[in-house]
Amino acid sequence: MSKSKSEALRIIHNGALLYHEILKPLMNIHKTAKMIGNYDQSQRLLVTDKLAGTVTVAMGFRRDGDFYIPNTSLKTDVRTISKKPIQRIAAMFVKEIKEPKYCTLAYTA
């Protein structure tokens, strides 16, 4: 197999791995997140306020007025870059954009 074909297969394989290990859990963060914490400012180039996630992936959020907006995704244990104490997520509610309130229960611990 030529180098370019093997390189293409490696990229496809890593892309699939990236999807299943990182992107899929983050796209379902309302179902997969188990912990939330304040970012500990341990990484120089990472600018975020809150982190939510698991032992394998984390999503970072920046405060924008009264809301937190997602701004980063990481392949890391949320506990390693959050200030202590890390809080366990007990329940998560979701809503459609046009709905005024969060009233659909998506996750309970």
N, C-alpha and C. Protein backbone atom coordinates (compact mmCIF):
# COMPACT_ATOMS: atom_id res chain seq x y z
N MET A 1 0.85 -1.17 0.00
CA MET A 1 0.00 0.00 0.00
C MET A 1 0.90 1.24 0.00
N SER A 2 0.55 2.19 -0.82
CA SER A 2 1.35 3.41 -0.90
C SER A 2 1.20 4.23 0.39
N LYS A 3 2.16 5.09 0.61
CA LYS A 3 2.15 5.91 1.82
C LYS A 3 0.91 6.80 1.89
N SER A 4 0.50 7.37 0.75
CA SER A 4 -0.67 8.25 0.76
C SER A 4 -1.95 7.49 1.09
N LYS A 5 -2.09 6.25 0.61
CA LYS A 5 -3.28 5.47 0.94
C LYS A 5 -3.29 5.08 2.42
N SER A 6 -2.13 4.66 2.93
CA SER A 6 -2.10 4.29 4.35
C SER A 6 -2.35 5.51 5.23
N GLU A 7 -1.83 6.67 4.82
CA GLU A 7 -2.06 7.92 5.55
C GLU A 7 -3.55 8.26 5.53
N ALA A 8 -4.20 8.10 4.39
CA ALA A 8 -5.64 8.39 4.28
C ALA A 8 -6.44 7.45 5.18
N LEU A 9 -6.08 6.18 5.22
CA LEU A 9 -6.79 5.22 6.08
C LEU A 9 -6.58 5.57 7.56
N ARG A 10 -5.38 6.00 7.92
CA ARG A 10 -5.11 6.39 9.30
C ARG A 10 -5.96 7.61 9.69
N ILE A 11 -6.07 8.56 8.78
CA ILE A 11 -6.89 9.75 9.04
C ILE A 11 -8.35 9.37 9.21
N ILE A 12 -8.85 8.50 8.35
CA ILE A 12 -10.24 8.05 8.46
C ILE A 12 -10.44 7.33 9.79
N HIS A 13 -9.51 6.44 10.16
CA HIS A 13 -9.61 5.71 11.41
C HIS A 13 -9.59 6.68 12.60
N ASN A 14 -8.65 7.60 12.61
CA ASN A 14 -8.57 8.56 13.71
C ASN A 14 -9.79 9.47 13.76
N GLY A 15 -10.34 9.82 12.60
CA GLY A 15 -11.56 10.62 12.58
C GLY A 15 -12.72 9.88 13.20
N ALA A 16 -12.85 8.59 12.90
CA ALA A 16 -13.92 7.78 13.50
C ALA A 16 -13.70 7.66 15.00
N LEU A 17 -12.45 7.48 15.40
CA LEU A 17 -12.12 7.39 16.81
C LEU A 17 -12.43 8.71 17.51
N LEU A 18 -12.07 9.81 16.89
CA LEU A 18 -12.36 11.13 17.42
C LEU A 18 -13.86 11.31 17.61
N TYR A 19 -14.64 10.88 16.64
CA TYR A 19 -16.09 11.02 16.73
C TYR A 19 -16.63 10.24 17.92
N HIS A 20 -16.26 8.98 18.04
CA HIS A 20 -16.83 8.13 19.10
C HIS A 20 -16.30 8.48 20.49
N GLU A 21 -15.05 8.92 20.60
CA GLU A 21 -14.48 9.21 21.90
C GLU A 21 -14.78 10.62 22.40
N ILE A 22 -14.90 11.58 21.48
CA ILE A 22 -15.01 12.97 21.90
C ILE A 22 -16.30 13.63 21.43
N LEU A 23 -16.51 13.66 20.13
CA LEU A 23 -17.63 14.43 19.60
C LEU A 23 -19.00 13.87 19.98
N LYS A 24 -19.16 12.56 19.91
CA LYS A 24 -20.47 11.98 20.24
C LYS A 24 -20.87 12.26 21.69
N PRO A 25 -19.97 12.03 22.67
CA PRO A 25 -20.36 12.39 24.05
C PRO A 25 -20.63 13.88 24.24
N LEU A 26 -19.88 14.73 23.55
CA LEU A 26 -20.09 16.17 23.71
C LEU A 26 -21.37 16.65 23.04
N MET A 27 -21.77 16.00 21.96
CA MET A 27 -23.03 16.38 21.31
C MET A 27 -24.23 15.95 22.16
N ASN A 28 -23.99 15.03 23.07
CA ASN A 28 -25.04 14.58 24.00
C ASN A 28 -24.68 14.96 25.42
N ILE A 29 -24.06 16.13 25.59
CA ILE A 29 -23.57 16.55 26.91
C ILE A 29 -24.69 16.56 27.94
N HIS A 30 -25.91 16.82 27.52
CA HIS A 30 -27.04 16.84 28.45
C HIS A 30 -27.36 15.44 28.98
N LYS A 31 -26.82 14.40 28.35
CA LYS A 31 -27.02 13.03 28.82
C LYS A 31 -25.76 12.43 29.41
N THR A 32 -24.58 12.89 28.97
CA THR A 32 -23.33 12.24 29.36
C THR A 32 -22.59 12.93 30.50
N ALA A 33 -22.76 14.22 30.69
CA ALA A 33 -22.00 14.94 31.72
C ALA A 33 -22.38 14.43 33.11
N LYS A 34 -21.37 14.19 33.91
CA LYS A 34 -21.59 13.70 35.28
C LYS A 34 -21.06 14.67 36.33
N MET A 35 -20.16 15.60 35.90
CA MET A 35 -19.52 16.51 36.86
C MET A 35 -19.46 17.91 36.26
N ILE A 36 -19.42 18.90 37.16
CA ILE A 36 -19.26 20.29 36.73
C ILE A 36 -18.34 20.99 37.73
N GLY A 37 -17.52 21.90 37.22
CA GLY A 37 -16.61 22.61 38.10
C GLY A 37 -16.13 23.91 37.47
N ASN A 38 -15.47 24.73 38.27
CA ASN A 38 -14.87 25.97 37.79
C ASN A 38 -13.48 25.66 37.25
N TYR A 39 -13.15 26.22 36.11
CA TYR A 39 -11.84 26.01 35.50
C TYR A 39 -10.75 26.58 36.40
N ASP A 40 -9.65 25.84 36.57
CA ASP A 40 -8.58 26.24 37.49
C ASP A 40 -7.47 27.09 36.86
N GLN A 41 -7.62 27.50 35.61
CA GLN A 41 -6.64 28.35 34.92
C GLN A 41 -5.27 27.70 34.80
N SER A 42 -5.21 26.37 34.72
CA SER A 42 -3.94 25.66 34.68
C SER A 42 -3.30 25.59 33.30
N GLN A 43 -4.05 25.87 32.25
CA GLN A 43 -3.51 25.82 30.89
C GLN A 43 -3.49 27.24 30.33
N ARG A 44 -2.31 27.70 29.95
CA ARG A 44 -2.12 29.09 29.53
C ARG A 44 -3.04 29.54 28.40
N LEU A 45 -3.27 28.70 27.41
CA LEU A 45 -4.01 29.13 26.23
C LEU A 45 -5.50 28.82 26.28
N LEU A 46 -5.96 28.21 27.33
CA LEU A 46 -7.37 27.87 27.46
C LEU A 46 -8.10 28.96 28.23
N VAL A 47 -9.12 29.55 27.60
CA VAL A 47 -9.90 30.61 28.23
C VAL A 47 -11.34 30.12 28.34
N THR A 48 -11.74 29.75 29.53
CA THR A 48 -13.09 29.28 29.79
C THR A 48 -13.40 29.49 31.27
N ASP A 49 -14.65 29.41 31.66
CA ASP A 49 -15.04 29.65 33.05
C ASP A 49 -15.48 28.38 33.77
N LYS A 50 -16.39 27.64 33.16
CA LYS A 50 -16.95 26.42 33.75
C LYS A 50 -16.62 25.24 32.86
N LEU A 51 -16.54 24.05 33.47
CA LEU A 51 -16.32 22.82 32.74
C LEU A 51 -17.38 21.81 33.15
N ALA A 52 -17.91 21.09 32.17
CA ALA A 52 -18.85 20.01 32.44
C ALA A 52 -18.38 18.81 31.64
N GLY A 53 -18.50 17.63 32.21
CA GLY A 53 -18.08 16.45 31.46
C GLY A 53 -17.94 15.21 32.30
N THR A 54 -17.02 14.36 31.84
CA THR A 54 -16.80 13.05 32.45
C THR A 54 -15.31 12.87 32.70
N VAL A 55 -14.89 11.63 32.90
CA VAL A 55 -13.47 11.34 33.08
C VAL A 55 -12.73 11.28 31.76
N THR A 56 -13.42 11.38 30.62
CA THR A 56 -12.75 11.32 29.31
C THR A 56 -12.92 12.57 28.47
N VAL A 57 -14.01 13.31 28.61
CA VAL A 57 -14.24 14.51 27.81
C VAL A 57 -14.81 15.63 28.68
N ALA A 58 -14.56 16.86 28.24
CA ALA A 58 -15.09 18.02 28.97
C ALA A 58 -15.48 19.09 27.96
N MET A 59 -16.52 19.83 28.29
CA MET A 59 -16.93 20.98 27.49
C MET A 59 -16.78 22.21 28.38
N GLY A 60 -16.14 23.24 27.82
CA GLY A 60 -15.94 24.47 28.56
C GLY A 60 -16.99 25.50 28.19
N PHE A 61 -17.31 26.37 29.14
CA PHE A 61 -18.33 27.39 28.94
C PHE A 61 -17.81 28.73 29.43
N ARG A 62 -18.10 29.80 28.67
CA ARG A 62 -17.78 31.18 29.06
C ARG A 62 -19.07 31.87 29.46
N ARG A 63 -18.99 32.71 30.46
CA ARG A 63 -20.18 33.47 30.89
C ARG A 63 -20.42 34.61 29.92
N ASP A 64 -21.67 34.74 29.50
CA ASP A 64 -22.10 35.82 28.61
C ASP A 64 -23.39 36.38 29.18
N GLY A 65 -23.28 37.42 29.99
CA GLY A 65 -24.47 37.97 30.65
C GLY A 65 -24.97 37.00 31.69
N ASP A 66 -26.23 36.58 31.54
CA ASP A 66 -26.84 35.64 32.48
C ASP A 66 -26.67 34.19 32.08
N PHE A 67 -25.96 33.93 30.98
CA PHE A 67 -25.87 32.57 30.43
C PHE A 67 -24.42 32.12 30.31
N TYR A 68 -24.23 30.82 30.22
CA TYR A 68 -22.94 30.23 29.90
C TYR A 68 -23.02 29.66 28.49
N ILE A 69 -22.08 30.06 27.65
CA ILE A 69 -22.06 29.67 26.24
C ILE A 69 -20.90 28.69 26.04
N PRO A 70 -21.13 27.54 25.38
CA PRO A 70 -20.02 26.61 25.13
C PRO A 70 -18.94 27.27 24.27
N ASN A 71 -17.67 27.08 24.65
CA ASN A 71 -16.60 27.68 23.87
C ASN A 71 -15.41 26.76 23.61
N THR A 72 -15.40 25.57 24.19
CA THR A 72 -14.29 24.66 23.92
C THR A 72 -14.69 23.23 24.23
N SER A 73 -13.99 22.30 23.62
CA SER A 73 -14.18 20.88 23.92
C SER A 73 -12.80 20.26 24.11
N LEU A 74 -12.70 19.38 25.08
CA LEU A 74 -11.41 18.84 25.47
C LEU A 74 -11.49 17.33 25.67
N LYS A 75 -10.41 16.64 25.31
CA LYS A 75 -10.29 15.22 25.61
C LYS A 75 -9.47 15.12 26.89
N THR A 76 -10.14 15.29 28.02
CA THR A 76 -9.47 15.28 29.31
C THR A 76 -10.49 14.96 30.41
N ASP A 77 -9.98 14.58 31.54
CA ASP A 77 -10.80 14.35 32.73
C ASP A 77 -11.14 15.71 33.33
N VAL A 78 -12.41 16.01 33.46
CA VAL A 78 -12.84 17.31 33.98
C VAL A 78 -12.27 17.58 35.37
N ARG A 79 -11.99 16.53 36.13
CA ARG A 79 -11.46 16.70 37.49
C ARG A 79 -10.03 17.23 37.51
N THR A 80 -9.27 17.00 36.43
CA THR A 80 -7.86 17.39 36.43
C THR A 80 -7.65 18.87 36.15
N ILE A 81 -8.65 19.57 35.60
CA ILE A 81 -8.47 20.99 35.28
C ILE A 81 -9.55 21.87 35.91
N SER A 82 -10.18 21.34 36.95
CA SER A 82 -11.22 22.10 37.67
C SER A 82 -10.78 22.34 39.10
N LYS A 83 -11.21 23.50 39.63
CA LYS A 83 -10.98 23.79 41.05
C LYS A 83 -11.80 22.83 41.88
N LYS A 84 -11.30 22.50 43.03
CA LYS A 84 -12.03 21.63 43.95
C LYS A 84 -13.00 22.49 44.76
N PRO A 85 -14.15 22.05 45.15
CA PRO A 85 -14.70 20.73 44.88
C PRO A 85 -15.40 20.68 43.51
N ILE A 86 -15.33 19.54 42.90
CA ILE A 86 -16.09 19.26 41.68
C ILE A 86 -17.50 18.87 42.13
N GLN A 87 -18.50 19.39 41.46
CA GLN A 87 -19.88 19.08 41.83
C GLN A 87 -20.44 17.97 40.94
N ARG A 88 -21.15 17.07 41.55
CA ARG A 88 -21.84 16.01 40.80
C ARG A 88 -23.12 16.60 40.21
N ILE A 89 -23.40 16.30 38.97
CA ILE A 89 -24.64 16.78 38.34
C ILE A 89 -25.78 15.85 38.76
N ALA A 90 -26.79 16.41 39.38
CA ALA A 90 -27.92 15.62 39.87
C ALA A 90 -29.03 15.51 38.84
N ALA A 91 -29.23 16.56 38.05
CA ALA A 91 -30.28 16.55 37.02
C ALA A 91 -29.93 17.57 35.95
N MET A 92 -30.41 17.32 34.76
CA MET A 92 -30.17 18.25 33.65
C MET A 92 -31.49 18.42 32.89
N PHE A 93 -31.85 19.68 32.69
CA PHE A 93 -33.06 20.01 31.94
C PHE A 93 -32.66 20.60 30.60
N VAL A 94 -33.50 20.38 29.58
CA VAL A 94 -33.27 20.93 28.25
C VAL A 94 -34.53 21.63 27.77
N LYS A 95 -34.36 22.45 26.72
CA LYS A 95 -35.51 23.11 26.11
C LYS A 95 -35.20 23.40 24.66
N GLU A 96 -36.22 23.59 23.87
CA GLU A 96 -36.05 24.05 22.50
C GLU A 96 -35.75 25.55 22.54
N ILE A 97 -35.15 26.07 21.51
CA ILE A 97 -34.75 27.48 21.47
C ILE A 97 -35.94 28.41 21.72
N LYS A 98 -37.09 28.10 21.15
CA LYS A 98 -38.25 28.99 21.27
C LYS A 98 -39.02 28.83 22.58
N GLU A 99 -38.72 27.78 23.34
CA GLU A 99 -39.40 27.60 24.61
C GLU A 99 -38.84 28.58 25.64
N PRO A 100 -39.70 29.18 26.46
CA PRO A 100 -39.22 30.17 27.43
C PRO A 100 -38.52 29.55 28.64
N LYS A 101 -38.86 28.32 29.03
CA LYS A 101 -38.30 27.71 30.23
C LYS A 101 -37.76 26.32 29.96
N TYR A 102 -36.78 25.93 30.77
CA TYR A 102 -36.26 24.58 30.75
C TYR A 102 -37.21 23.69 31.53
N CYS A 103 -37.92 22.80 30.85
CA CYS A 103 -38.89 21.99 31.57
C CYS A 103 -38.84 20.50 31.21
N THR A 104 -37.99 20.10 30.25
CA THR A 104 -37.86 18.71 29.89
C THR A 104 -36.66 18.12 30.61
N LEU A 105 -36.91 17.11 31.44
CA LEU A 105 -35.84 16.46 32.19
C LEU A 105 -35.09 15.51 31.27
N ALA A 106 -33.79 15.75 31.05
CA ALA A 106 -32.98 14.95 30.14
C ALA A 106 -32.11 13.93 30.88
N TYR A 107 -31.78 14.21 32.14
CA TYR A 107 -30.86 13.34 32.88
C TYR A 107 -31.11 13.47 34.37
N THR A 108 -31.07 12.35 35.08
CA THR A 108 -31.07 12.35 36.54
C THR A 108 -30.00 11.37 37.00
N ALA A 109 -29.35 11.69 38.09
CA ALA A 109 -28.28 10.82 38.62
C ALA A 109 -28.88 9.63 39.34
